[in-house]
Amino acid sequence: MISIAMAEDHQMLIDGVKSFFEYDENINIIGTVNNGEDLVKLVNLKQPRLVITDIRMPKMDGIQATKLIKSQFSHIKILALTMFDQPDAIKQMLDAGASGYLLKNSGIKMLSKAIVIVANGDTFFDPNVAFNFMNDYINENVTIGKSEKVILSNREKEILQLIANGNTSKEISETLFIAKTTVDTHRKNMIRKLNLKGGNELMKYAIDKKYKF
């Protein structure tokens, strides 16, 4: 049985996860809290096999909580469950000691898969996170989740629309008030997510999907 402590500041999400696993014979959620400070206390008290934590939470964020937990209980596995797909957030969680990173829009079935993989000592990454910069973190034990549908963020969809309209990265950055390097990063991430060969294929994809988002 995989014992789990969960930290999430949205109680509705906690209730949904608990409800899904209520009758699961292999997974037991032994405690839930709404902030990182209480998560550290809960882990000290119950010492679960796995911790599921959000990143942005009151009192103490998931990154700091992960650092404290891993410093005291190195054997406890950490799975981040968050809405953030930014490279900085992913890297900070991995540096803190997390073994898995999952986006909240991935669905409960993928969460179930990630729990089992991380609890058994392997590493799991959401198939839609921007981890192309993380070569140093990836090894033979890493499992990349497989989803039938590629999920683009709202920002990526905005950029695709502008690409379809013929805008350059510089023009897109000025329209969206973001750095050109950020636009370029989004382009690279979309090429990877969509399994395209380069900028020309991304342009063709953007034009084809222009009215289908």
N, C-alpha and C. Protein backbone atom coordinates (compact mmCIF):
# COMPACT_ATOMS: atom_id res chain seq x y z
N MET A 1 0.84 -1.20 0.00
CA MET A 1 0.00 0.00 0.00
C MET A 1 0.88 1.25 0.00
N ILE A 2 0.56 2.19 -0.86
CA ILE A 2 1.31 3.45 -0.94
C ILE A 2 0.61 4.48 -0.07
N SER A 3 1.24 4.87 1.01
CA SER A 3 0.67 5.89 1.90
C SER A 3 1.07 7.27 1.38
N ILE A 4 0.11 8.19 1.37
CA ILE A 4 0.32 9.50 0.75
C ILE A 4 -0.12 10.63 1.66
N ALA A 5 0.70 11.68 1.72
CA ALA A 5 0.32 12.95 2.34
C ALA A 5 0.22 13.96 1.20
N MET A 6 -0.82 14.78 1.23
CA MET A 6 -1.06 15.70 0.11
C MET A 6 -1.22 17.13 0.61
N ALA A 7 -0.56 18.05 -0.08
CA ALA A 7 -0.68 19.47 0.23
C ALA A 7 -1.19 20.23 -1.00
N GLU A 8 -2.28 20.93 -0.83
CA GLU A 8 -2.93 21.66 -1.92
C GLU A 8 -3.84 22.71 -1.32
N ASP A 9 -3.73 23.95 -1.78
CA ASP A 9 -4.53 25.01 -1.15
C ASP A 9 -5.94 25.10 -1.70
N HIS A 10 -6.27 24.32 -2.71
CA HIS A 10 -7.64 24.26 -3.20
C HIS A 10 -8.30 22.98 -2.66
N GLN A 11 -9.18 23.14 -1.71
CA GLN A 11 -9.79 21.99 -1.04
C GLN A 11 -10.60 21.12 -2.00
N MET A 12 -11.17 21.73 -3.01
CA MET A 12 -11.96 20.98 -3.98
C MET A 12 -11.11 19.93 -4.69
N LEU A 13 -9.86 20.29 -5.02
CA LEU A 13 -8.96 19.34 -5.68
C LEU A 13 -8.60 18.20 -4.73
N ILE A 14 -8.33 18.54 -3.49
CA ILE A 14 -8.04 17.51 -2.49
C ILE A 14 -9.22 16.55 -2.37
N ASP A 15 -10.42 17.09 -2.27
CA ASP A 15 -11.61 16.26 -2.13
C ASP A 15 -11.79 15.33 -3.34
N GLY A 16 -11.48 15.85 -4.52
CA GLY A 16 -11.62 15.05 -5.73
C GLY A 16 -10.63 13.89 -5.77
N VAL A 17 -9.39 14.19 -5.40
CA VAL A 17 -8.36 13.14 -5.38
C VAL A 17 -8.69 12.09 -4.33
N LYS A 18 -9.10 12.53 -3.14
CA LYS A 18 -9.45 11.59 -2.08
C LYS A 18 -10.62 10.70 -2.50
N SER A 19 -11.58 11.29 -3.15
CA SER A 19 -12.76 10.55 -3.59
C SER A 19 -12.37 9.48 -4.61
N PHE A 20 -11.48 9.84 -5.52
CA PHE A 20 -11.07 8.89 -6.57
C PHE A 20 -10.35 7.68 -5.99
N PHE A 21 -9.49 7.92 -5.00
CA PHE A 21 -8.69 6.83 -4.44
C PHE A 21 -9.31 6.18 -3.20
N GLU A 22 -10.53 6.57 -2.88
CA GLU A 22 -11.15 6.10 -1.64
C GLU A 22 -11.20 4.58 -1.55
N TYR A 23 -11.47 3.91 -2.66
CA TYR A 23 -11.61 2.45 -2.65
C TYR A 23 -10.45 1.75 -3.36
N ASP A 24 -9.37 2.47 -3.58
CA ASP A 24 -8.18 1.89 -4.21
C ASP A 24 -7.41 1.09 -3.15
N GLU A 25 -7.18 -0.18 -3.41
CA GLU A 25 -6.51 -1.05 -2.44
C GLU A 25 -5.01 -0.81 -2.36
N ASN A 26 -4.46 -0.08 -3.34
CA ASN A 26 -3.01 0.14 -3.38
C ASN A 26 -2.58 1.52 -2.94
N ILE A 27 -3.52 2.44 -2.81
CA ILE A 27 -3.18 3.83 -2.48
C ILE A 27 -4.02 4.28 -1.30
N ASN A 28 -3.35 4.85 -0.31
CA ASN A 28 -4.04 5.30 0.91
C ASN A 28 -3.60 6.72 1.25
N ILE A 29 -4.51 7.67 1.13
CA ILE A 29 -4.19 9.06 1.47
C ILE A 29 -4.39 9.22 2.97
N ILE A 30 -3.29 9.33 3.69
CA ILE A 30 -3.34 9.31 5.15
C ILE A 30 -3.44 10.70 5.78
N GLY A 31 -3.35 11.75 4.95
CA GLY A 31 -3.48 13.10 5.49
C GLY A 31 -3.41 14.15 4.41
N THR A 32 -4.16 15.23 4.58
CA THR A 32 -4.13 16.34 3.63
C THR A 32 -4.04 17.65 4.38
N VAL A 33 -3.37 18.63 3.78
CA VAL A 33 -3.23 19.96 4.36
C VAL A 33 -3.33 20.99 3.25
N ASN A 34 -3.40 22.27 3.63
CA ASN A 34 -3.59 23.34 2.65
C ASN A 34 -2.41 24.29 2.53
N ASN A 35 -1.29 23.97 3.15
CA ASN A 35 -0.10 24.83 3.02
C ASN A 35 1.16 24.02 3.31
N GLY A 36 2.30 24.56 2.90
CA GLY A 36 3.55 23.84 3.04
C GLY A 36 4.02 23.66 4.46
N GLU A 37 3.71 24.62 5.30
CA GLU A 37 4.12 24.53 6.71
C GLU A 37 3.45 23.34 7.39
N ASP A 38 2.15 23.20 7.16
CA ASP A 38 1.43 22.07 7.74
C ASP A 38 1.84 20.75 7.10
N LEU A 39 2.27 20.81 5.84
CA LEU A 39 2.73 19.59 5.18
C LEU A 39 3.96 19.02 5.89
N VAL A 40 4.90 19.88 6.22
CA VAL A 40 6.11 19.43 6.92
C VAL A 40 5.74 18.79 8.25
N LYS A 41 4.79 19.40 8.96
CA LYS A 41 4.35 18.85 10.25
C LYS A 41 3.68 17.49 10.05
N LEU A 42 2.85 17.39 9.02
CA LEU A 42 2.14 16.14 8.74
C LEU A 42 3.12 15.02 8.40
N VAL A 43 4.11 15.33 7.60
CA VAL A 43 5.10 14.32 7.22
C VAL A 43 5.90 13.87 8.44
N ASN A 44 6.26 14.81 9.30
CA ASN A 44 6.96 14.45 10.54
C ASN A 44 6.13 13.52 11.41
N LEU A 45 4.83 13.74 11.40
CA LEU A 45 3.93 12.96 12.25
C LEU A 45 3.65 11.57 11.68
N LYS A 46 3.39 11.49 10.37
CA LYS A 46 2.92 10.24 9.79
C LYS A 46 3.91 9.54 8.86
N GLN A 47 4.92 10.26 8.40
CA GLN A 47 5.97 9.71 7.55
C GLN A 47 5.41 8.82 6.43
N PRO A 48 4.73 9.42 5.48
CA PRO A 48 4.16 8.66 4.36
C PRO A 48 5.25 8.16 3.41
N ARG A 49 4.87 7.28 2.55
CA ARG A 49 5.81 6.80 1.52
C ARG A 49 5.98 7.83 0.42
N LEU A 50 4.92 8.59 0.16
CA LEU A 50 4.93 9.57 -0.94
C LEU A 50 4.23 10.84 -0.52
N VAL A 51 4.74 11.97 -0.99
CA VAL A 51 4.12 13.28 -0.77
C VAL A 51 3.72 13.86 -2.12
N ILE A 52 2.48 14.31 -2.20
CA ILE A 52 2.02 15.06 -3.37
C ILE A 52 1.86 16.51 -2.93
N THR A 53 2.53 17.43 -3.62
CA THR A 53 2.46 18.82 -3.21
C THR A 53 2.33 19.78 -4.37
N ASP A 54 1.54 20.82 -4.15
CA ASP A 54 1.48 21.94 -5.08
C ASP A 54 2.74 22.77 -4.87
N ILE A 55 3.00 23.72 -5.74
CA ILE A 55 4.16 24.59 -5.57
C ILE A 55 3.76 25.87 -4.84
N ARG A 56 2.82 26.61 -5.39
CA ARG A 56 2.41 27.87 -4.77
C ARG A 56 1.34 27.61 -3.72
N MET A 57 1.70 27.84 -2.45
CA MET A 57 0.78 27.63 -1.33
C MET A 57 1.04 28.68 -0.26
N PRO A 58 0.08 28.90 0.64
CA PRO A 58 0.28 29.86 1.74
C PRO A 58 1.34 29.37 2.73
N LYS A 59 1.86 30.31 3.50
CA LYS A 59 2.80 30.07 4.60
C LYS A 59 4.16 29.54 4.14
N MET A 60 4.18 28.47 3.37
CA MET A 60 5.42 27.92 2.83
C MET A 60 5.12 27.25 1.50
N ASP A 61 5.91 27.55 0.47
CA ASP A 61 5.62 26.96 -0.84
C ASP A 61 6.12 25.51 -0.91
N GLY A 62 5.73 24.84 -1.97
CA GLY A 62 6.08 23.43 -2.12
C GLY A 62 7.55 23.17 -2.30
N ILE A 63 8.26 24.14 -2.84
CA ILE A 63 9.71 23.98 -3.04
C ILE A 63 10.43 23.93 -1.70
N GLN A 64 10.14 24.90 -0.83
CA GLN A 64 10.77 24.93 0.48
C GLN A 64 10.34 23.73 1.32
N ALA A 65 9.07 23.37 1.24
CA ALA A 65 8.58 22.21 1.98
C ALA A 65 9.29 20.93 1.53
N THR A 66 9.49 20.80 0.22
CA THR A 66 10.19 19.63 -0.31
C THR A 66 11.62 19.56 0.21
N LYS A 67 12.30 20.70 0.22
CA LYS A 67 13.67 20.73 0.74
C LYS A 67 13.73 20.25 2.19
N LEU A 68 12.81 20.75 3.00
CA LEU A 68 12.81 20.39 4.42
C LEU A 68 12.48 18.90 4.61
N ILE A 69 11.51 18.42 3.86
CA ILE A 69 11.13 17.01 3.98
C ILE A 69 12.28 16.09 3.57
N LYS A 70 12.91 16.40 2.44
CA LYS A 70 14.00 15.54 1.95
C LYS A 70 15.22 15.61 2.85
N SER A 71 15.42 16.74 3.53
CA SER A 71 16.57 16.86 4.43
C SER A 71 16.39 15.98 5.67
N GLN A 72 15.14 15.73 6.04
CA GLN A 72 14.86 14.92 7.22
C GLN A 72 14.53 13.47 6.88
N PHE A 73 13.86 13.28 5.75
CA PHE A 73 13.43 11.94 5.36
C PHE A 73 13.78 11.72 3.88
N SER A 74 15.01 11.39 3.62
CA SER A 74 15.48 11.28 2.24
C SER A 74 14.77 10.17 1.47
N HIS A 75 14.21 9.18 2.18
CA HIS A 75 13.56 8.05 1.53
C HIS A 75 12.14 8.39 1.04
N ILE A 76 11.56 9.46 1.56
CA ILE A 76 10.20 9.82 1.15
C ILE A 76 10.23 10.44 -0.25
N LYS A 77 9.36 9.97 -1.12
CA LYS A 77 9.32 10.46 -2.49
C LYS A 77 8.37 11.65 -2.60
N ILE A 78 8.72 12.58 -3.47
CA ILE A 78 7.93 13.80 -3.66
C ILE A 78 7.43 13.89 -5.10
N LEU A 79 6.14 14.11 -5.26
CA LEU A 79 5.53 14.33 -6.57
C LEU A 79 4.88 15.70 -6.59
N ALA A 80 5.35 16.57 -7.48
CA ALA A 80 4.76 17.90 -7.62
C ALA A 80 3.51 17.81 -8.48
N LEU A 81 2.42 18.41 -8.02
CA LEU A 81 1.17 18.48 -8.77
C LEU A 81 0.79 19.95 -8.85
N THR A 82 0.96 20.56 -10.01
CA THR A 82 0.89 22.01 -10.11
C THR A 82 0.36 22.45 -11.46
N MET A 83 0.08 23.74 -11.58
CA MET A 83 -0.33 24.31 -12.85
C MET A 83 0.85 24.94 -13.59
N PHE A 84 2.00 25.02 -12.94
CA PHE A 84 3.15 25.71 -13.53
C PHE A 84 3.98 24.81 -14.42
N ASP A 85 4.13 25.19 -15.70
CA ASP A 85 4.98 24.42 -16.60
C ASP A 85 6.24 25.19 -16.99
N GLN A 86 6.54 26.26 -16.23
CA GLN A 86 7.73 27.04 -16.53
C GLN A 86 9.00 26.28 -16.14
N PRO A 87 10.03 26.36 -16.98
CA PRO A 87 11.29 25.66 -16.69
C PRO A 87 11.87 25.95 -15.32
N ASP A 88 11.78 27.21 -14.87
CA ASP A 88 12.35 27.56 -13.56
C ASP A 88 11.66 26.81 -12.43
N ALA A 89 10.35 26.70 -12.50
CA ALA A 89 9.60 25.99 -11.45
C ALA A 89 9.96 24.52 -11.44
N ILE A 90 10.06 23.91 -12.62
CA ILE A 90 10.41 22.50 -12.71
C ILE A 90 11.79 22.25 -12.13
N LYS A 91 12.74 23.09 -12.54
CA LYS A 91 14.13 22.91 -12.08
C LYS A 91 14.23 23.09 -10.57
N GLN A 92 13.53 24.07 -10.02
CA GLN A 92 13.58 24.30 -8.58
C GLN A 92 13.01 23.12 -7.80
N MET A 93 11.94 22.53 -8.30
CA MET A 93 11.36 21.37 -7.61
C MET A 93 12.29 20.17 -7.69
N LEU A 94 12.91 19.98 -8.84
CA LEU A 94 13.85 18.86 -8.98
C LEU A 94 15.07 19.05 -8.09
N ASP A 95 15.58 20.28 -8.05
CA ASP A 95 16.73 20.58 -7.19
C ASP A 95 16.37 20.39 -5.72
N ALA A 96 15.12 20.65 -5.38
CA ALA A 96 14.68 20.49 -3.98
C ALA A 96 14.56 19.03 -3.58
N GLY A 97 14.40 18.15 -4.60
CA GLY A 97 14.33 16.72 -4.29
C GLY A 97 13.13 15.98 -4.83
N ALA A 98 12.30 16.65 -5.64
CA ALA A 98 11.12 15.98 -6.20
C ALA A 98 11.55 14.94 -7.23
N SER A 99 10.78 13.87 -7.30
CA SER A 99 11.05 12.80 -8.27
C SER A 99 10.01 12.76 -9.38
N GLY A 100 8.99 13.60 -9.27
CA GLY A 100 7.96 13.62 -10.29
C GLY A 100 7.36 15.00 -10.44
N TYR A 101 6.86 15.30 -11.63
CA TYR A 101 6.29 16.62 -11.90
C TYR A 101 5.09 16.43 -12.82
N LEU A 102 3.91 16.80 -12.32
CA LEU A 102 2.68 16.57 -13.06
C LEU A 102 1.82 17.83 -13.07
N LEU A 103 1.25 18.14 -14.23
CA LEU A 103 0.38 19.30 -14.35
C LEU A 103 -1.05 18.92 -13.95
N LYS A 104 -1.76 19.88 -13.38
CA LYS A 104 -3.10 19.60 -12.87
C LYS A 104 -4.11 19.29 -13.96
N ASN A 105 -3.81 19.68 -15.19
CA ASN A 105 -4.77 19.40 -16.27
C ASN A 105 -4.51 18.04 -16.92
N SER A 106 -3.66 17.23 -16.32
CA SER A 106 -3.31 15.95 -16.92
C SER A 106 -4.33 14.86 -16.66
N GLY A 107 -5.15 15.02 -15.65
CA GLY A 107 -6.18 14.03 -15.38
C GLY A 107 -5.81 13.08 -14.26
N ILE A 108 -6.83 12.53 -13.64
CA ILE A 108 -6.65 11.70 -12.46
C ILE A 108 -5.98 10.37 -12.78
N LYS A 109 -6.21 9.83 -13.97
CA LYS A 109 -5.59 8.55 -14.33
C LYS A 109 -4.08 8.68 -14.47
N MET A 110 -3.63 9.81 -15.02
CA MET A 110 -2.19 10.01 -15.12
C MET A 110 -1.59 10.25 -13.74
N LEU A 111 -2.35 10.88 -12.84
CA LEU A 111 -1.88 11.05 -11.47
C LEU A 111 -1.69 9.68 -10.82
N SER A 112 -2.62 8.78 -11.04
CA SER A 112 -2.51 7.44 -10.48
C SER A 112 -1.26 6.74 -10.99
N LYS A 113 -0.98 6.88 -12.27
CA LYS A 113 0.22 6.28 -12.86
C LYS A 113 1.48 6.90 -12.27
N ALA A 114 1.48 8.22 -12.14
CA ALA A 114 2.66 8.91 -11.60
C ALA A 114 2.92 8.49 -10.15
N ILE A 115 1.88 8.33 -9.37
CA ILE A 115 2.02 7.92 -7.97
C ILE A 115 2.76 6.60 -7.87
N VAL A 116 2.33 5.63 -8.64
CA VAL A 116 2.93 4.30 -8.58
C VAL A 116 4.40 4.34 -9.02
N ILE A 117 4.67 5.05 -10.11
CA ILE A 117 6.03 5.11 -10.64
C ILE A 117 6.98 5.80 -9.67
N VAL A 118 6.57 6.95 -9.14
CA VAL A 118 7.42 7.69 -8.22
C VAL A 118 7.60 6.94 -6.90
N ALA A 119 6.53 6.36 -6.38
CA ALA A 119 6.60 5.62 -5.13
C ALA A 119 7.55 4.43 -5.23
N ASN A 120 7.69 3.88 -6.43
CA ASN A 120 8.56 2.73 -6.63
C ASN A 120 10.00 3.12 -6.95
N GLY A 121 10.31 4.41 -6.82
CA GLY A 121 11.69 4.85 -6.94
C GLY A 121 12.13 5.36 -8.28
N ASP A 122 11.21 5.45 -9.24
CA ASP A 122 11.55 5.98 -10.55
C ASP A 122 11.09 7.43 -10.65
N THR A 123 11.34 8.04 -11.78
CA THR A 123 11.02 9.45 -11.99
C THR A 123 9.97 9.59 -13.07
N PHE A 124 9.02 10.50 -12.86
CA PHE A 124 7.93 10.68 -13.80
C PHE A 124 7.78 12.15 -14.17
N PHE A 125 7.70 12.43 -15.47
CA PHE A 125 7.45 13.78 -15.93
C PHE A 125 6.19 13.82 -16.78
N ASP A 126 5.38 14.82 -16.54
CA ASP A 126 4.23 15.06 -17.37
C ASP A 126 4.67 15.22 -18.83
N PRO A 127 3.96 14.63 -19.79
CA PRO A 127 4.38 14.73 -21.19
C PRO A 127 4.31 16.14 -21.74
N ASN A 128 3.63 17.05 -21.04
CA ASN A 128 3.46 18.40 -21.56
C ASN A 128 4.28 19.46 -20.84
N VAL A 129 5.22 19.05 -19.99
CA VAL A 129 6.06 20.06 -19.34
C VAL A 129 7.25 20.39 -20.22
N ALA A 130 7.73 21.62 -20.04
CA ALA A 130 8.84 22.11 -20.87
C ALA A 130 10.16 21.66 -20.25
N PHE A 131 10.57 20.41 -20.53
CA PHE A 131 11.77 19.91 -19.89
C PHE A 131 12.91 19.67 -20.88
N ASN A 132 12.84 20.28 -22.07
CA ASN A 132 13.89 20.08 -23.04
C ASN A 132 15.22 20.63 -22.57
N PHE A 133 15.21 21.48 -21.54
CA PHE A 133 16.45 22.05 -21.00
C PHE A 133 17.06 21.15 -19.93
N MET A 134 16.41 20.05 -19.58
CA MET A 134 16.76 19.29 -18.39
C MET A 134 17.58 18.05 -18.68
N ASN A 135 18.45 18.07 -19.67
CA ASN A 135 19.19 16.87 -20.04
C ASN A 135 19.96 16.26 -18.88
N ASP A 136 20.44 17.11 -17.98
CA ASP A 136 21.22 16.60 -16.85
C ASP A 136 20.37 15.81 -15.87
N TYR A 137 19.05 15.96 -15.92
CA TYR A 137 18.17 15.30 -14.97
C TYR A 137 17.61 13.99 -15.51
N ILE A 138 17.72 13.77 -16.80
CA ILE A 138 17.05 12.64 -17.42
C ILE A 138 17.98 11.45 -17.54
N ASN A 139 17.53 10.28 -17.07
CA ASN A 139 18.34 9.07 -17.18
C ASN A 139 17.43 7.90 -17.52
N GLU A 140 17.98 6.70 -17.44
CA GLU A 140 17.21 5.54 -17.88
C GLU A 140 16.02 5.23 -16.99
N ASN A 141 15.93 5.82 -15.81
CA ASN A 141 14.83 5.56 -14.91
C ASN A 141 13.65 6.49 -15.11
N VAL A 142 13.79 7.46 -16.00
CA VAL A 142 12.73 8.45 -16.19
C VAL A 142 11.61 7.90 -17.05
N THR A 143 10.39 8.10 -16.62
CA THR A 143 9.22 7.76 -17.42
C THR A 143 8.52 9.04 -17.83
N ILE A 144 8.32 9.19 -19.12
CA ILE A 144 7.57 10.33 -19.63
C ILE A 144 6.14 9.86 -19.85
N GLY A 145 5.19 10.51 -19.20
CA GLY A 145 3.81 10.10 -19.36
C GLY A 145 3.36 10.21 -20.79
N LYS A 146 2.52 9.31 -21.22
CA LYS A 146 2.01 9.33 -22.58
C LYS A 146 0.54 9.71 -22.55
N SER A 147 0.17 10.71 -23.32
CA SER A 147 -1.23 11.12 -23.38
C SER A 147 -1.69 11.07 -24.83
N GLU A 148 -2.96 10.79 -25.03
CA GLU A 148 -3.48 10.70 -26.38
C GLU A 148 -3.60 12.08 -27.02
N LYS A 149 -3.71 13.10 -26.23
CA LYS A 149 -3.93 14.45 -26.74
C LYS A 149 -2.86 15.39 -26.21
N VAL A 150 -2.22 16.12 -27.10
CA VAL A 150 -1.23 17.12 -26.69
C VAL A 150 -1.97 18.34 -26.16
N ILE A 151 -1.60 18.78 -24.97
CA ILE A 151 -2.27 19.92 -24.36
C ILE A 151 -1.38 21.15 -24.44
N LEU A 152 -1.83 22.17 -25.15
CA LEU A 152 -1.10 23.42 -25.24
C LEU A 152 -1.67 24.40 -24.21
N SER A 153 -0.79 25.18 -23.62
CA SER A 153 -1.24 26.18 -22.66
C SER A 153 -1.95 27.31 -23.40
N ASN A 154 -2.68 28.13 -22.66
CA ASN A 154 -3.37 29.27 -23.27
C ASN A 154 -2.39 30.22 -23.93
N ARG A 155 -1.23 30.41 -23.29
CA ARG A 155 -0.21 31.29 -23.87
C ARG A 155 0.32 30.72 -25.19
N GLU A 156 0.54 29.41 -25.22
CA GLU A 156 1.02 28.78 -26.45
C GLU A 156 -0.01 28.92 -27.57
N LYS A 157 -1.29 28.80 -27.23
CA LYS A 157 -2.34 28.97 -28.23
C LYS A 157 -2.37 30.40 -28.76
N GLU A 158 -2.14 31.37 -27.85
CA GLU A 158 -2.07 32.78 -28.28
C GLU A 158 -0.94 32.98 -29.28
N ILE A 159 0.20 32.40 -28.95
CA ILE A 159 1.37 32.56 -29.82
C ILE A 159 1.14 31.86 -31.16
N LEU A 160 0.51 30.68 -31.13
CA LEU A 160 0.20 29.98 -32.38
C LEU A 160 -0.69 30.81 -33.29
N GLN A 161 -1.68 31.46 -32.69
CA GLN A 161 -2.57 32.31 -33.49
C GLN A 161 -1.79 33.43 -34.17
N LEU A 162 -0.87 34.01 -33.42
CA LEU A 162 -0.07 35.11 -33.98
C LEU A 162 0.91 34.61 -35.03
N ILE A 163 1.45 33.40 -34.83
CA ILE A 163 2.33 32.79 -35.83
C ILE A 163 1.53 32.57 -37.12
N ALA A 164 0.30 32.08 -36.97
CA ALA A 164 -0.56 31.84 -38.14
C ALA A 164 -0.85 33.13 -38.89
N ASN A 165 -0.85 34.25 -38.17
CA ASN A 165 -1.09 35.55 -38.81
C ASN A 165 0.17 36.12 -39.44
N GLY A 166 1.28 35.40 -39.34
CA GLY A 166 2.52 35.82 -39.97
C GLY A 166 3.41 36.70 -39.12
N ASN A 167 3.15 36.78 -37.81
CA ASN A 167 3.96 37.62 -36.93
C ASN A 167 5.30 36.96 -36.61
N THR A 168 6.34 37.77 -36.53
CA THR A 168 7.65 37.28 -36.11
C THR A 168 7.69 37.18 -34.59
N SER A 169 8.75 36.56 -34.05
CA SER A 169 8.89 36.45 -32.59
C SER A 169 8.95 37.83 -31.95
N LYS A 170 9.64 38.77 -32.60
CA LYS A 170 9.74 40.12 -32.07
C LYS A 170 8.37 40.79 -32.03
N GLU A 171 7.61 40.63 -33.11
CA GLU A 171 6.26 41.23 -33.16
C GLU A 171 5.34 40.58 -32.12
N ILE A 172 5.47 39.29 -31.93
CA ILE A 172 4.65 38.58 -30.94
C ILE A 172 4.99 39.07 -29.54
N SER A 173 6.28 39.25 -29.28
CA SER A 173 6.70 39.72 -27.95
C SER A 173 6.15 41.10 -27.65
N GLU A 174 6.10 41.95 -28.66
CA GLU A 174 5.57 43.30 -28.48
C GLU A 174 4.05 43.27 -28.29
N THR A 175 3.38 42.38 -28.99
CA THR A 175 1.92 42.26 -28.88
C THR A 175 1.50 41.74 -27.51
N LEU A 176 2.25 40.74 -27.00
CA LEU A 176 1.90 40.10 -25.74
C LEU A 176 2.64 40.68 -24.54
N PHE A 177 3.52 41.66 -24.80
CA PHE A 177 4.29 42.31 -23.73
C PHE A 177 5.14 41.30 -22.95
N ILE A 178 5.80 40.42 -23.69
CA ILE A 178 6.73 39.46 -23.09
C ILE A 178 8.04 39.53 -23.86
N ALA A 179 9.09 38.97 -23.28
CA ALA A 179 10.41 39.01 -23.92
C ALA A 179 10.44 38.14 -25.17
N LYS A 180 11.24 38.55 -26.14
CA LYS A 180 11.38 37.75 -27.36
C LYS A 180 11.93 36.36 -27.04
N THR A 181 12.84 36.28 -26.05
CA THR A 181 13.40 34.98 -25.67
C THR A 181 12.32 34.05 -25.12
N THR A 182 11.31 34.65 -24.46
CA THR A 182 10.19 33.85 -23.95
C THR A 182 9.37 33.28 -25.11
N VAL A 183 9.16 34.11 -26.13
CA VAL A 183 8.43 33.64 -27.32
C VAL A 183 9.21 32.51 -27.98
N ASP A 184 10.52 32.67 -28.11
CA ASP A 184 11.35 31.64 -28.73
C ASP A 184 11.30 30.34 -27.94
N THR A 185 11.27 30.46 -26.61
CA THR A 185 11.17 29.26 -25.77
C THR A 185 9.85 28.56 -25.98
N HIS A 186 8.76 29.33 -26.06
CA HIS A 186 7.45 28.74 -26.33
C HIS A 186 7.43 28.04 -27.69
N ARG A 187 8.06 28.65 -28.68
CA ARG A 187 8.13 28.03 -30.00
C ARG A 187 8.81 26.66 -29.92
N LYS A 188 9.96 26.62 -29.24
CA LYS A 188 10.71 25.37 -29.11
C LYS A 188 9.89 24.32 -28.36
N ASN A 189 9.20 24.75 -27.32
CA ASN A 189 8.40 23.81 -26.54
C ASN A 189 7.24 23.23 -27.36
N MET A 190 6.62 24.09 -28.18
CA MET A 190 5.52 23.61 -29.02
C MET A 190 6.02 22.65 -30.10
N ILE A 191 7.18 22.95 -30.65
CA ILE A 191 7.76 22.04 -31.64
C ILE A 191 8.01 20.67 -31.03
N ARG A 192 8.50 20.67 -29.77
CA ARG A 192 8.76 19.40 -29.08
C ARG A 192 7.45 18.69 -28.74
N LYS A 193 6.50 19.43 -28.16
CA LYS A 193 5.22 18.84 -27.77
C LYS A 193 4.49 18.22 -28.96
N LEU A 194 4.52 18.92 -30.09
CA LEU A 194 3.77 18.50 -31.27
C LEU A 194 4.57 17.55 -32.16
N ASN A 195 5.80 17.26 -31.73
CA ASN A 195 6.67 16.34 -32.48
C ASN A 195 6.90 16.82 -33.91
N LEU A 196 7.18 18.13 -34.04
CA LEU A 196 7.45 18.73 -35.33
C LEU A 196 8.95 18.82 -35.57
N LYS A 197 9.34 19.07 -36.81
CA LYS A 197 10.76 19.08 -37.16
C LYS A 197 11.40 20.46 -37.13
N GLY A 198 10.62 21.51 -36.99
CA GLY A 198 11.21 22.83 -36.95
C GLY A 198 10.19 23.93 -37.12
N GLY A 199 10.69 25.15 -37.31
CA GLY A 199 9.84 26.33 -37.39
C GLY A 199 8.87 26.31 -38.55
N ASN A 200 9.30 25.77 -39.70
CA ASN A 200 8.41 25.74 -40.86
C ASN A 200 7.19 24.85 -40.61
N GLU A 201 7.43 23.69 -39.96
CA GLU A 201 6.31 22.80 -39.66
C GLU A 201 5.39 23.42 -38.61
N LEU A 202 5.98 24.19 -37.68
CA LEU A 202 5.16 24.87 -36.68
C LEU A 202 4.26 25.90 -37.36
N MET A 203 4.80 26.62 -38.33
CA MET A 203 4.02 27.60 -39.08
C MET A 203 2.85 26.91 -39.80
N LYS A 204 3.14 25.79 -40.46
CA LYS A 204 2.09 25.05 -41.17
C LYS A 204 1.02 24.57 -40.20
N TYR A 205 1.46 24.08 -39.04
CA TYR A 205 0.51 23.60 -38.03
C TYR A 205 -0.36 24.76 -37.54
N ALA A 206 0.27 25.91 -37.29
CA ALA A 206 -0.46 27.08 -36.78
C ALA A 206 -1.52 27.53 -37.77
N ILE A 207 -1.17 27.55 -39.05
CA ILE A 207 -2.13 27.98 -40.08
C ILE A 207 -3.27 26.98 -40.17
N ASP A 208 -2.94 25.69 -40.11
CA ASP A 208 -3.96 24.64 -40.21
C ASP A 208 -4.94 24.68 -39.05
N LYS A 209 -4.42 25.05 -37.84
CA LYS A 209 -5.25 25.04 -36.63
C LYS A 209 -5.82 26.40 -36.29
N LYS A 210 -5.62 27.38 -37.16
CA LYS A 210 -5.94 28.77 -36.82
C LYS A 210 -7.37 28.95 -36.33
N TYR A 211 -8.31 28.27 -36.90
CA TYR A 211 -9.70 28.46 -36.54
C TYR A 211 -10.26 27.25 -35.76
N LYS A 212 -9.36 26.43 -35.22
CA LYS A 212 -9.80 25.21 -34.55
C LYS A 212 -9.45 25.17 -33.07
N PHE A 213 -8.86 26.23 -32.53
CA PHE A 213 -8.47 26.22 -31.12
C PHE A 213 -9.71 26.28 -30.24
